[in-house]
């Protein structure tokens, strides 16, 4: 851990600041504001994915979301 912190500090000195962008993530799109054409296009893409077998079981998707949420909440606690 101390080696990682030392490397981080050296990067701060070399870059004369934090060595990465500090910014808020982009807010998700509000699909309620989509035009009829945009909504139809998105639904068509999903339908085509389904026809081509590009699907995942809902339980697997929910598990991935829970795992990702747990990782994010642990990062916020640190």
Protein backbone atom coordinates (compact mmCIF):
# COMPACT_ATOMS: atom_id res chain seq x y z
CA UNK A 1 0.00 0.00 0.00
CA UNK A 2 2.76 2.46 0.88
CA UNK A 3 4.41 1.88 -2.53
CA UNK A 4 1.15 2.72 -4.28
CA UNK A 5 0.74 5.88 -2.23
CA UNK A 6 4.33 6.93 -2.96
CA UNK A 7 3.74 6.37 -6.70
CA UNK A 8 0.56 8.42 -6.48
CA UNK A 9 2.38 11.29 -4.73
CA UNK A 10 5.18 11.20 -7.33
CA UNK A 11 2.59 11.45 -10.10
CA UNK A 12 1.02 14.45 -8.37
CA UNK A 13 4.41 16.14 -8.33
CA UNK A 14 5.22 15.22 -11.96
CA UNK A 15 1.80 16.29 -13.26
CA UNK A 16 1.56 19.27 -10.90
CA UNK A 17 -1.89 18.12 -9.82
CA UNK A 18 -4.08 15.09 -9.46
CA UNK A 19 -3.09 12.64 -12.23
CA UNK A 20 -6.66 12.01 -13.39
CA UNK A 21 -9.79 14.00 -14.18
CA UNK A 22 -12.07 14.71 -11.27
CA UNK A 23 -15.59 15.08 -12.60
CA UNK A 24 -19.13 13.96 -12.05
CA UNK A 25 -20.44 11.15 -14.25
CA UNK A 26 -22.79 12.09 -17.06
CA UNK A 27 -26.42 11.93 -15.98
CA UNK A 28 -28.38 9.13 -17.62
CA UNK A 29 -30.71 10.06 -20.46
CA UNK A 30 -34.35 10.65 -19.62
CA UNK A 31 -36.14 8.35 -22.05
CA UNK A 32 -39.45 10.06 -21.21
CA UNK A 33 -38.21 13.01 -23.30
CA UNK A 34 -37.39 10.92 -26.38
CA UNK A 35 -39.31 11.56 -29.58
CA UNK A 36 -41.61 8.85 -30.90
CA UNK A 37 -39.05 8.10 -33.62
CA UNK A 38 -36.22 7.70 -31.11
CA UNK A 39 -38.29 5.44 -28.87
CA UNK A 40 -39.34 3.32 -31.86
CA UNK A 41 -35.70 3.01 -32.96
CA UNK A 42 -34.54 1.91 -29.49
CA UNK A 43 -37.35 -0.62 -29.20
CA UNK A 44 -36.50 -1.94 -32.67
CA UNK A 45 -32.85 -2.42 -31.65
CA UNK A 46 -33.94 -4.38 -28.58
CA UNK A 47 -36.33 -6.50 -30.61
CA UNK A 48 -33.61 -7.28 -33.18
CA UNK A 49 -31.22 -8.27 -30.37
CA UNK A 50 -33.86 -10.64 -29.04
CA UNK A 51 -34.38 -12.22 -32.48
CA UNK A 52 -30.62 -12.75 -32.85
CA UNK A 53 -30.36 -14.38 -29.41
CA UNK A 54 -28.39 -11.55 -27.83
CA UNK A 55 -30.19 -11.82 -24.49
CA UNK A 56 -29.37 -12.63 -20.86
CA UNK A 57 -31.61 -14.00 -18.13
CA UNK A 58 -33.08 -11.29 -15.90
CA UNK A 59 -31.62 -12.96 -12.79
CA UNK A 60 -28.11 -12.64 -14.27
CA UNK A 61 -28.62 -8.96 -15.11
CA UNK A 62 -29.99 -8.25 -11.63
CA UNK A 63 -27.03 -10.06 -10.06
CA UNK A 64 -24.61 -7.92 -12.10
CA UNK A 65 -26.42 -4.72 -11.09
CA UNK A 66 -26.31 -5.70 -7.39
CA UNK A 67 -22.60 -6.54 -7.66
CA UNK A 68 -21.84 -3.22 -9.36
CA UNK A 69 -23.92 -1.29 -6.80
CA UNK A 70 -22.08 -3.04 -3.95
CA UNK A 71 -18.70 -2.11 -5.48
CA UNK A 72 -19.78 1.52 -5.90
CA UNK A 73 -21.13 1.78 -2.35
CA UNK A 74 -17.90 0.29 -0.96
CA UNK A 75 -15.85 2.86 -2.91
CA UNK A 76 -17.93 5.70 -1.47
CA UNK A 77 -17.31 4.44 2.09
CA UNK A 78 -13.52 4.47 1.59
